[in-house]
N, C-alpha and C. Protein backbone atom coordinates (compact mmCIF):
# COMPACT_ATOMS: atom_id res chain seq x y z
N MET A 1 -27.76 9.21 -3.56
CA MET A 1 -27.24 7.99 -2.79
C MET A 1 -27.94 7.96 -1.07
N ASP A 2 -28.23 7.03 -0.73
CA ASP A 2 -28.81 6.53 0.31
C ASP A 2 -28.21 5.31 0.68
N LYS A 3 -28.51 4.62 2.29
CA LYS A 3 -27.47 3.72 2.75
C LYS A 3 -27.53 2.36 1.96
N GLN A 4 -28.93 2.08 1.35
CA GLN A 4 -29.25 1.04 0.52
C GLN A 4 -28.26 0.78 -0.69
N THR A 5 -28.33 2.02 -1.44
CA THR A 5 -27.86 1.77 -2.54
C THR A 5 -25.98 1.87 -2.19
N PHE A 6 -25.67 2.61 -1.37
CA PHE A 6 -24.01 2.51 -0.89
C PHE A 6 -23.72 0.80 -0.30
N TRP A 7 -24.42 0.28 0.22
CA TRP A 7 -24.43 -1.15 0.59
C TRP A 7 -24.76 -2.11 -0.53
N LYS A 8 -25.88 -1.78 -1.38
CA LYS A 8 -25.33 -2.39 -2.84
C LYS A 8 -23.60 -2.27 -3.68
N LEU A 9 -23.47 -1.05 -3.44
CA LEU A 9 -22.12 -0.66 -3.98
C LEU A 9 -20.94 -1.88 -3.43
N ILE A 10 -21.12 -1.70 -1.89
CA ILE A 10 -20.13 -2.35 -1.45
C ILE A 10 -20.24 -3.90 -1.72
N GLU A 11 -21.86 -4.62 -1.63
CA GLU A 11 -21.87 -5.89 -2.16
C GLU A 11 -21.00 -6.24 -3.42
N THR A 12 -21.48 -5.48 -4.35
CA THR A 12 -20.82 -5.32 -5.86
C THR A 12 -19.12 -5.21 -5.73
N ALA A 13 -18.90 -4.56 -4.98
CA ALA A 13 -16.95 -4.43 -5.25
C ALA A 13 -16.67 -5.67 -4.30
N ARG A 14 -17.55 -6.14 -3.63
CA ARG A 14 -17.02 -7.78 -2.89
C ARG A 14 -17.14 -8.72 -3.34
N ALA A 15 -18.15 -8.67 -4.60
CA ALA A 15 -18.13 -9.82 -5.28
C ALA A 15 -17.04 -9.78 -6.48
N ASP A 16 -16.72 -8.74 -7.05
CA ASP A 16 -15.73 -8.15 -7.95
C ASP A 16 -14.25 -8.66 -7.37
N ALA A 17 -13.93 -8.14 -6.09
CA ALA A 17 -12.38 -7.67 -5.81
C ALA A 17 -12.09 -8.81 -4.51
N GLU A 18 -10.86 -9.15 -4.58
CA GLU A 18 -10.42 -9.47 -3.48
C GLU A 18 -10.35 -8.78 -2.03
N ALA A 19 -10.35 -9.37 -1.20
CA ALA A 19 -10.58 -8.71 0.40
C ALA A 19 -10.12 -7.40 0.52
N ASP A 20 -8.57 -7.42 0.13
CA ASP A 20 -7.84 -6.03 0.21
C ASP A 20 -7.99 -5.19 -0.99
N ARG A 21 -8.98 -5.38 -1.64
CA ARG A 21 -9.19 -4.48 -2.80
C ARG A 21 -10.51 -4.06 -2.67
N VAL A 22 -11.63 -4.30 -1.77
CA VAL A 22 -12.89 -4.04 -2.24
C VAL A 22 -12.93 -2.60 -2.20
N ALA A 23 -12.23 -1.72 -1.35
CA ALA A 23 -12.59 -0.17 -0.99
C ALA A 23 -12.12 0.15 -2.43
N ALA A 24 -10.99 0.06 -3.38
CA ALA A 24 -10.76 0.36 -4.43
C ALA A 24 -11.38 0.18 -5.54
N ARG A 25 -12.23 -0.95 -5.45
CA ARG A 25 -13.06 -1.49 -6.59
C ARG A 25 -14.29 -0.76 -6.37
N ALA A 26 -14.74 -0.27 -5.16
CA ALA A 26 -16.15 0.49 -4.75
C ALA A 26 -15.67 1.67 -5.36
N ALA A 27 -14.66 2.20 -5.42
CA ALA A 27 -14.37 3.81 -5.75
C ALA A 27 -14.31 3.50 -7.22
N GLU A 28 -13.89 2.58 -8.38
CA GLU A 28 -14.15 2.41 -9.43
C GLU A 28 -15.34 2.33 -10.00
N LEU A 29 -16.52 1.61 -9.16
CA LEU A 29 -17.66 1.29 -9.57
C LEU A 29 -18.28 2.80 -9.46
N LEU A 30 -17.99 3.42 -8.50
CA LEU A 30 -18.77 4.50 -7.87
C LEU A 30 -18.71 5.99 -8.91
N ALA A 31 -17.17 5.66 -9.50
CA ALA A 31 -16.63 6.65 -10.38
C ALA A 31 -17.54 6.86 -11.80
N ASP A 32 -18.47 5.76 -11.88
CA ASP A 32 -19.29 5.78 -13.19
C ASP A 32 -20.35 6.43 -12.87
N SER A 33 -20.67 7.08 -11.97
CA SER A 33 -21.90 7.47 -11.21
C SER A 33 -22.05 8.99 -11.74
N PRO A 34 -23.00 10.00 -11.76
CA PRO A 34 -23.14 11.30 -11.56
C PRO A 34 -21.92 12.08 -10.32
N ALA A 35 -21.30 13.04 -10.64
CA ALA A 35 -20.65 13.80 -9.49
C ALA A 35 -21.51 13.65 -8.55
N ALA A 36 -22.67 14.50 -8.31
CA ALA A 36 -23.23 14.90 -7.46
C ALA A 36 -23.86 13.14 -6.30
N GLU A 37 -23.91 12.20 -7.40
CA GLU A 37 -24.13 11.00 -6.45
C GLU A 37 -22.89 10.44 -5.77
N ILE A 38 -21.52 10.83 -6.41
CA ILE A 38 -20.53 10.59 -5.81
C ILE A 38 -20.13 11.55 -4.28
N ALA A 39 -20.77 12.24 -4.62
CA ALA A 39 -20.56 13.60 -3.58
C ALA A 39 -21.23 12.74 -2.45
N ALA A 40 -22.76 12.55 -2.84
CA ALA A 40 -23.70 12.29 -1.52
C ALA A 40 -23.11 10.71 -0.73
N ALA A 41 -22.19 9.94 -1.85
CA ALA A 41 -21.87 8.68 -0.95
C ALA A 41 -20.83 9.05 0.35
N GLN A 42 -20.25 10.09 -0.04
CA GLN A 42 -19.36 10.32 0.92
C GLN A 42 -20.16 10.44 2.71
N GLN A 43 -21.16 11.33 2.20
CA GLN A 43 -22.12 11.76 3.25
C GLN A 43 -22.82 10.21 4.08
N VAL A 44 -22.88 9.32 3.28
CA VAL A 44 -23.82 8.20 3.59
C VAL A 44 -22.19 7.62 4.38
N LEU A 45 -21.26 7.64 3.56
CA LEU A 45 -20.20 6.61 4.21
C LEU A 45 -19.83 7.45 5.83
N TRP A 46 -20.00 8.61 5.96
CA TRP A 46 -19.80 9.15 7.10
C TRP A 46 -20.98 9.01 8.11
N ASP A 47 -22.03 8.84 7.74
CA ASP A 47 -22.91 8.46 8.61
C ASP A 47 -22.98 7.21 9.29
N LEU A 48 -22.84 6.11 8.28
CA LEU A 48 -22.44 4.67 8.68
C LEU A 48 -21.27 4.92 9.72
N LEU A 49 -20.03 5.89 9.48
CA LEU A 49 -19.07 5.79 10.69
C LEU A 49 -19.70 6.28 11.74
N ALA A 50 -20.24 7.35 11.77
CA ALA A 50 -21.22 7.92 12.73
C ALA A 50 -21.97 6.70 13.77
N ASP A 51 -22.79 6.17 12.79
CA ASP A 51 -23.44 5.00 13.46
C ASP A 51 -22.49 3.78 14.15
N SER A 52 -21.45 3.86 13.64
CA SER A 52 -20.42 2.80 14.22
C SER A 52 -19.57 3.01 15.01
N TYR A 53 -19.69 4.85 15.39
CA TYR A 53 -18.84 5.47 16.83
C TYR A 53 -19.26 4.84 18.23
N ARG A 54 -19.30 3.75 18.40
CA ARG A 54 -20.08 3.43 19.69
C ARG A 54 -18.52 2.55 20.35
N ALA A 55 -18.34 2.84 21.88
CA ALA A 55 -17.34 2.42 22.72
C ALA A 55 -17.34 0.76 22.54
N PRO A 56 -18.53 0.05 22.56
CA PRO A 56 -18.20 -1.47 22.54
C PRO A 56 -17.64 -1.82 21.23
N LEU A 57 -17.88 -1.38 20.41
CA LEU A 57 -17.22 -1.65 19.17
C LEU A 57 -15.56 -1.44 19.23
N TRP A 58 -15.55 -0.06 19.81
CA TRP A 58 -14.13 0.46 19.79
C TRP A 58 -13.23 -0.55 20.88
N ALA A 59 -13.83 -1.07 21.80
CA ALA A 59 -13.11 -2.15 22.37
C ALA A 59 -12.98 -3.25 21.89
N ALA A 60 -13.88 -3.83 20.99
CA ALA A 60 -13.45 -5.00 20.14
C ALA A 60 -12.46 -4.79 19.34
N ALA A 61 -12.50 -3.41 18.66
CA ALA A 61 -11.28 -3.59 17.66
C ALA A 61 -10.06 -3.51 18.90
N TYR A 62 -10.01 -2.85 19.73
CA TYR A 62 -8.84 -3.16 20.45
C TYR A 62 -8.59 -4.22 21.04
N VAL A 63 -9.42 -5.17 21.00
CA VAL A 63 -9.12 -6.59 21.46
C VAL A 63 -8.96 -7.13 20.21
N ILE A 64 -9.44 -7.04 19.01
CA ILE A 64 -9.07 -7.69 17.59
C ILE A 64 -7.59 -7.12 16.95
N ASN A 65 -7.25 -6.03 17.16
CA ASN A 65 -6.05 -5.39 16.61
C ASN A 65 -4.87 -5.08 17.81
N GLY A 66 -5.03 -5.48 18.92
CA GLY A 66 -4.28 -5.41 19.96
C GLY A 66 -3.73 -3.92 20.24
N GLY A 67 -4.74 -3.32 20.31
CA GLY A 67 -4.51 -1.59 20.56
C GLY A 67 -5.56 -1.00 19.48
N CYS A 68 -5.90 0.21 19.63
CA CYS A 68 -6.90 0.99 18.89
C CYS A 68 -6.95 2.63 19.34
N SER A 69 -5.85 3.33 18.20
CA SER A 69 -5.90 4.65 18.45
C SER A 69 -7.33 5.34 17.93
N ASP A 70 -7.51 6.33 18.19
CA ASP A 70 -8.48 7.28 17.30
C ASP A 70 -8.73 6.94 15.84
N ASP A 71 -7.10 7.13 15.23
CA ASP A 71 -7.56 6.98 14.01
C ASP A 71 -7.59 5.29 13.46
N GLY A 72 -6.80 4.49 14.40
CA GLY A 72 -7.04 3.22 13.96
C GLY A 72 -8.52 2.90 14.36
N PHE A 73 -9.12 3.12 15.15
CA PHE A 73 -10.54 3.00 15.12
C PHE A 73 -11.36 3.40 13.85
N ASP A 74 -10.82 4.26 13.43
CA ASP A 74 -11.91 4.72 12.06
C ASP A 74 -11.49 4.08 10.90
N TYR A 75 -10.17 3.45 10.79
CA TYR A 75 -9.36 2.50 9.83
C TYR A 75 -10.35 1.36 10.24
N PHE A 76 -10.48 0.71 11.52
CA PHE A 76 -10.94 -0.49 11.94
C PHE A 76 -12.55 -0.22 11.32
N ARG A 77 -13.23 0.74 11.42
CA ARG A 77 -14.77 0.48 10.77
C ARG A 77 -14.55 1.00 9.38
N GLY A 78 -13.18 1.49 8.76
CA GLY A 78 -13.63 1.26 7.35
C GLY A 78 -13.34 0.02 6.69
N TRP A 79 -12.50 -0.75 7.59
CA TRP A 79 -12.65 -2.36 7.19
C TRP A 79 -13.74 -2.89 7.48
N LEU A 80 -14.53 -2.63 8.53
CA LEU A 80 -15.66 -3.22 8.97
C LEU A 80 -16.74 -3.05 7.89
N LEU A 81 -16.79 -1.62 6.98
CA LEU A 81 -17.40 -1.16 6.10
C LEU A 81 -17.50 -2.25 4.65
N THR A 82 -16.23 -2.77 4.75
CA THR A 82 -15.86 -3.22 3.27
C THR A 82 -16.52 -4.84 3.89
N GLN A 83 -16.79 -5.33 4.73
CA GLN A 83 -17.23 -6.37 5.09
C GLN A 83 -18.93 -6.68 5.07
N GLY A 84 -19.51 -5.61 4.14
CA GLY A 84 -20.93 -5.49 3.70
C GLY A 84 -21.77 -4.93 5.04
N GLU A 85 -23.18 -5.03 4.52
CA GLU A 85 -24.05 -4.42 5.12
C GLU A 85 -23.93 -5.58 6.87
N THR A 86 -24.50 -6.82 6.52
CA THR A 86 -24.63 -7.74 7.32
C THR A 86 -23.87 -7.84 8.62
N ALA A 87 -22.63 -8.13 8.00
CA ALA A 87 -21.51 -7.97 9.04
C ALA A 87 -21.48 -6.55 10.10
N PHE A 88 -21.48 -5.77 9.01
CA PHE A 88 -21.60 -4.29 9.74
C PHE A 88 -22.87 -4.07 11.04
N THR A 89 -23.98 -4.53 10.45
CA THR A 89 -25.11 -4.50 11.36
C THR A 89 -24.93 -5.35 12.67
N ARG A 90 -24.48 -6.49 12.24
CA ARG A 90 -24.13 -7.54 13.40
C ARG A 90 -23.21 -7.19 14.23
N ALA A 91 -22.23 -6.40 13.75
CA ALA A 91 -21.39 -5.91 14.73
C ALA A 91 -21.46 -4.71 15.58
N LEU A 92 -22.61 -4.07 14.89
CA LEU A 92 -23.05 -2.89 16.14
C LEU A 92 -24.01 -3.31 17.05
N ALA A 93 -24.85 -4.00 16.37
CA ALA A 93 -26.06 -4.95 17.60
C ALA A 93 -25.24 -5.77 18.72
N ASP A 94 -23.91 -6.56 18.24
CA ASP A 94 -23.19 -7.07 19.15
C ASP A 94 -21.43 -7.49 18.76
N PRO A 95 -21.03 -6.33 19.08
CA PRO A 95 -19.56 -6.51 18.96
C PRO A 95 -18.54 -7.91 19.57
N ASP A 96 -19.30 -8.41 20.31
CA ASP A 96 -18.51 -10.08 20.42
C ASP A 96 -18.72 -10.86 19.13
N SER A 97 -19.64 -10.74 18.56
CA SER A 97 -20.00 -11.46 17.56
C SER A 97 -19.34 -11.41 16.56
N LEU A 98 -18.22 -10.32 16.41
CA LEU A 98 -17.06 -10.30 15.47
C LEU A 98 -16.38 -11.96 15.70
N ALA A 99 -16.12 -12.16 16.66
CA ALA A 99 -15.44 -13.79 17.29
C ALA A 99 -15.68 -14.81 15.92
N ASP A 100 -16.88 -14.52 15.42
CA ASP A 100 -17.62 -15.24 14.36
C ASP A 100 -17.11 -15.14 13.19
N HIS A 101 -16.60 -13.97 12.75
CA HIS A 101 -16.26 -13.48 11.64
C HIS A 101 -15.23 -13.87 11.16
N PRO A 102 -14.93 -14.72 9.75
CA PRO A 102 -13.96 -15.48 9.43
C PRO A 102 -12.76 -14.86 9.31
N ALA A 103 -12.61 -13.45 8.85
CA ALA A 103 -11.35 -12.73 8.64
C ALA A 103 -11.05 -12.53 10.13
N VAL A 104 -11.66 -12.19 11.14
CA VAL A 104 -11.18 -12.03 12.32
C VAL A 104 -10.55 -13.24 13.18
N ARG A 105 -11.35 -14.47 13.06
CA ARG A 105 -10.80 -15.50 13.30
C ARG A 105 -9.39 -15.97 12.50
N ALA A 106 -9.20 -15.52 11.41
CA ALA A 106 -8.02 -15.74 10.42
C ALA A 106 -7.06 -14.77 11.42
N ALA A 107 -7.08 -13.15 11.89
CA ALA A 107 -6.64 -12.46 12.24
C ALA A 107 -6.07 -12.88 13.77
N ALA A 108 -6.51 -13.70 14.43
CA ALA A 108 -6.72 -14.27 15.68
C ALA A 108 -5.26 -15.51 15.61
N SER A 109 -5.33 -16.26 14.70
CA SER A 109 -4.95 -16.95 14.22
C SER A 109 -3.22 -16.51 13.59
N GLU A 110 -3.44 -15.71 12.81
CA GLU A 110 -2.20 -14.70 12.01
C GLU A 110 -1.47 -13.86 12.73
N GLY A 111 -2.29 -13.18 13.51
CA GLY A 111 -1.62 -12.41 14.28
C GLY A 111 -1.51 -10.81 13.24
N VAL A 112 -2.62 -10.81 12.53
CA VAL A 112 -2.78 -9.44 11.52
C VAL A 112 -3.85 -8.33 12.36
N GLU A 113 -3.50 -7.28 11.67
CA GLU A 113 -4.29 -6.11 12.13
C GLU A 113 -5.68 -5.84 11.40
N LEU A 114 -6.79 -5.62 11.70
CA LEU A 114 -7.78 -5.55 10.39
C LEU A 114 -7.97 -4.10 10.56
N TRP A 115 -7.94 -3.43 9.24
CA TRP A 115 -8.16 -2.02 9.20
C TRP A 115 -8.11 -1.90 7.61
N ASP A 116 -8.71 -0.61 7.30
CA ASP A 116 -8.75 -0.37 5.69
C ASP A 116 -9.23 1.38 5.95
N GLU A 117 -7.96 1.98 5.67
CA GLU A 117 -7.78 3.45 5.79
C GLU A 117 -8.38 3.59 4.24
N GLU A 118 -8.35 2.90 3.39
CA GLU A 118 -8.67 3.28 1.86
C GLU A 118 -10.17 3.64 1.57
N ALA A 119 -11.05 2.69 3.13
CA ALA A 119 -12.27 2.45 2.65
C ALA A 119 -12.93 4.07 2.81
N LEU A 120 -12.10 4.77 3.76
CA LEU A 120 -12.79 6.14 4.51
C LEU A 120 -12.85 7.26 3.06
N SER A 121 -12.08 6.49 2.19
CA SER A 121 -11.89 7.98 0.93
C SER A 121 -12.38 7.16 -0.35
N ILE A 122 -13.05 6.26 -0.26
CA ILE A 122 -14.04 5.55 -1.40
C ILE A 122 -14.99 6.81 -2.26
N ALA A 123 -15.35 7.93 -1.68
CA ALA A 123 -16.02 8.77 -2.52
C ALA A 123 -15.41 9.75 -2.96
N TRP A 124 -14.11 9.98 -2.11
CA TRP A 124 -12.72 11.29 -2.66
C TRP A 124 -12.17 10.89 -4.12
N THR A 125 -11.79 9.38 -3.62
CA THR A 125 -10.98 8.50 -4.77
C THR A 125 -12.18 8.41 -6.28
N ALA A 126 -13.35 8.07 -5.74
CA ALA A 126 -14.36 8.10 -7.08
C ALA A 126 -14.58 9.62 -8.01
N TYR A 127 -14.85 10.65 -6.92
CA TYR A 127 -14.70 11.71 -7.34
C TYR A 127 -13.67 12.56 -8.13
N GLU A 128 -12.48 12.18 -7.74
CA GLU A 128 -11.23 12.65 -8.37
C GLU A 128 -11.36 11.84 -9.62
N SER A 129 -11.60 10.56 -9.93
CA SER A 129 -11.54 9.73 -10.72
C SER A 129 -12.43 10.32 -12.12
N ALA A 130 -13.72 10.47 -11.82
CA ALA A 130 -14.59 11.05 -12.58
C ALA A 130 -14.34 12.52 -12.94
N THR A 131 -13.95 13.37 -12.18
CA THR A 131 -14.33 14.68 -12.58
C THR A 131 -12.85 15.55 -12.70
N GLY A 132 -11.89 14.66 -11.76
CA GLY A 132 -10.19 15.44 -12.16
C GLY A 132 -10.53 16.25 -10.99
N ARG A 133 -11.30 16.46 -10.11
CA ARG A 133 -11.28 17.73 -9.16
C ARG A 133 -11.28 17.07 -7.71
N GLU A 134 -11.08 17.76 -6.69
CA GLU A 134 -11.04 17.06 -5.44
C GLU A 134 -12.53 17.45 -4.83
N LEU A 135 -12.87 16.43 -4.17
CA LEU A 135 -14.43 16.43 -3.79
C LEU A 135 -14.80 17.79 -2.94
N PRO A 136 -15.92 18.34 -2.86
CA PRO A 136 -16.10 19.50 -2.50
C PRO A 136 -16.33 19.15 -1.14
N SER A 137 -15.66 20.27 -0.15
CA SER A 137 -15.98 20.06 1.17
C SER A 137 -16.75 20.61 1.85
N ASP A 138 -17.57 20.75 1.50
CA ASP A 138 -19.35 20.97 1.68
C ASP A 138 -20.19 19.83 1.01
N SER A 139 -19.67 19.01 0.95
CA SER A 139 -20.72 18.14 0.39
C SER A 139 -21.16 16.74 1.53
N PHE A 140 -20.28 17.03 2.92
CA PHE A 140 -20.30 16.28 3.80
C PHE A 140 -19.91 16.99 5.01
N THR A 141 -21.06 16.24 5.97
CA THR A 141 -20.59 16.68 7.43
C THR A 141 -20.31 15.63 8.12
N ILE A 142 -19.55 15.57 9.33
CA ILE A 142 -19.14 14.58 10.27
C ILE A 142 -19.33 14.90 11.85
N SER A 143 -20.54 14.25 12.11
CA SER A 143 -21.12 14.34 13.79
C SER A 143 -21.03 13.26 14.18
N TYR A 144 -20.21 13.30 15.24
CA TYR A 144 -20.07 11.82 16.20
C TYR A 144 -20.51 11.85 17.38
N PRO A 145 -21.60 10.92 17.89
CA PRO A 145 -22.28 10.91 19.09
C PRO A 145 -21.38 10.68 20.23
N ASP A 146 -21.82 10.85 21.28
CA ASP A 146 -20.90 10.64 22.66
C ASP A 146 -20.71 9.41 22.77
N LEU A 147 -19.87 8.87 23.08
CA LEU A 147 -19.74 7.52 23.78
C LEU A 147 -20.19 7.06 25.03
N ASP A 148 -20.63 6.27 24.93
CA ASP A 148 -21.32 5.51 26.30
C ASP A 148 -20.16 5.43 27.31
N PRO A 149 -20.61 6.26 28.40
CA PRO A 149 -20.21 6.30 29.50
C PRO A 149 -19.95 4.86 30.30
N ALA A 150 -20.86 4.08 30.57
CA ALA A 150 -20.46 2.97 30.96
C ALA A 150 -19.52 1.80 30.09
N TRP A 151 -19.11 2.16 29.18
CA TRP A 151 -18.05 1.57 28.65
C TRP A 151 -16.92 2.37 28.68
N SER A 152 -16.76 3.51 29.64
CA SER A 152 -15.43 4.34 30.09
C SER A 152 -14.58 3.59 30.87
N PHE A 153 -13.65 2.76 30.34
CA PHE A 153 -12.58 2.05 31.07
C PHE A 153 -11.40 1.52 30.51
N ASP A 154 -10.34 1.23 31.05
CA ASP A 154 -9.22 0.99 30.35
C ASP A 154 -8.96 -0.32 29.43
N PHE A 155 -9.11 -0.38 28.26
CA PHE A 155 -9.29 -1.66 27.30
C PHE A 155 -8.22 -2.42 27.67
N ASP A 156 -7.21 -1.98 28.29
CA ASP A 156 -5.88 -2.91 28.58
C ASP A 156 -6.46 -3.84 29.86
N ASP A 157 -7.69 -3.50 30.66
CA ASP A 157 -7.82 -4.25 31.90
C ASP A 157 -8.65 -5.67 31.19
N ALA A 158 -7.43 -6.53 30.80
CA ALA A 158 -8.21 -7.76 30.45
C ALA A 158 -9.38 -8.55 31.36
N GLU A 159 -9.97 -8.53 32.58
CA GLU A 159 -10.76 -8.86 33.24
C GLU A 159 -11.80 -8.12 33.02
N GLU A 160 -11.83 -7.12 32.75
CA GLU A 160 -13.16 -6.42 32.66
C GLU A 160 -13.44 -6.44 31.23
N THR A 161 -12.46 -6.27 30.05
CA THR A 161 -12.93 -6.74 28.58
C THR A 161 -13.28 -7.95 28.74
N ALA A 162 -12.89 -8.99 29.41
CA ALA A 162 -13.28 -10.22 28.99
C ALA A 162 -14.62 -10.34 29.32
N SER A 163 -14.99 -9.53 30.58
CA SER A 163 -16.58 -10.04 31.06
C SER A 163 -17.51 -9.21 30.05
N ARG A 164 -17.03 -8.01 29.45
CA ARG A 164 -17.93 -7.68 28.49
C ARG A 164 -17.70 -8.05 26.84
N LEU A 165 -16.68 -8.84 26.44
CA LEU A 165 -16.32 -9.22 25.27
C LEU A 165 -15.56 -10.36 25.30
N PRO A 166 -16.47 -11.65 26.11
CA PRO A 166 -15.80 -13.02 26.03
C PRO A 166 -15.33 -13.58 25.07
N ARG A 167 -16.26 -13.85 23.96
CA ARG A 167 -15.63 -14.55 22.98
C ARG A 167 -14.52 -14.22 22.34
N LEU A 168 -14.71 -12.88 21.99
CA LEU A 168 -13.17 -11.92 21.31
C LEU A 168 -11.95 -11.91 22.25
N SER A 169 -12.22 -12.01 23.61
CA SER A 169 -11.10 -11.81 25.00
C SER A 169 -10.42 -13.75 24.32
N ALA A 170 -11.26 -14.19 24.55
CA ALA A 170 -11.02 -15.79 24.16
C ALA A 170 -10.25 -15.85 23.23
N LEU A 171 -10.70 -15.27 22.08
CA LEU A 171 -10.06 -15.75 20.84
C LEU A 171 -8.63 -15.07 20.79
N PHE A 172 -8.69 -14.11 21.30
CA PHE A 172 -7.25 -13.22 21.30
C PHE A 172 -6.51 -13.16 22.59
N GLY A 173 -7.12 -14.09 23.36
CA GLY A 173 -6.66 -14.30 24.74
C GLY A 173 -4.76 -14.68 24.41
């Protein structure tokens, strides 16, 4: 399993399922793969989560969800994974671009939070479904980079946040 194959899995799940069932559908599809490939998918998922462990994205999640704890940031990035590779890559390059995402715009008008805890366990769920056993703990590692110190400010500081994420701040103002 590599990133390209993982993203194809997500795109297939997105085509097959309602927005709130993408992670569940991805797990169902992945469960048809060999156990070793399922286990490898967990490492790909954590690598993508590490790629997205960025302070600017955390600030965007904070604005979108009206606050964002450590766990909340994980769940937000899980939601972002279920949006597909294009949305994920675009958000990493420019978190303020999330202001264009239809689900983010809907969340702003409806006052809902965007998160998907289930997305973090796609491979766990698939592995248990396929084998009847838990995913081996040695099948993946988690290593997050340090956060950008230039973004080390209180995300409740509306003025500073608006200067860095103007479109999201205006949308959720």
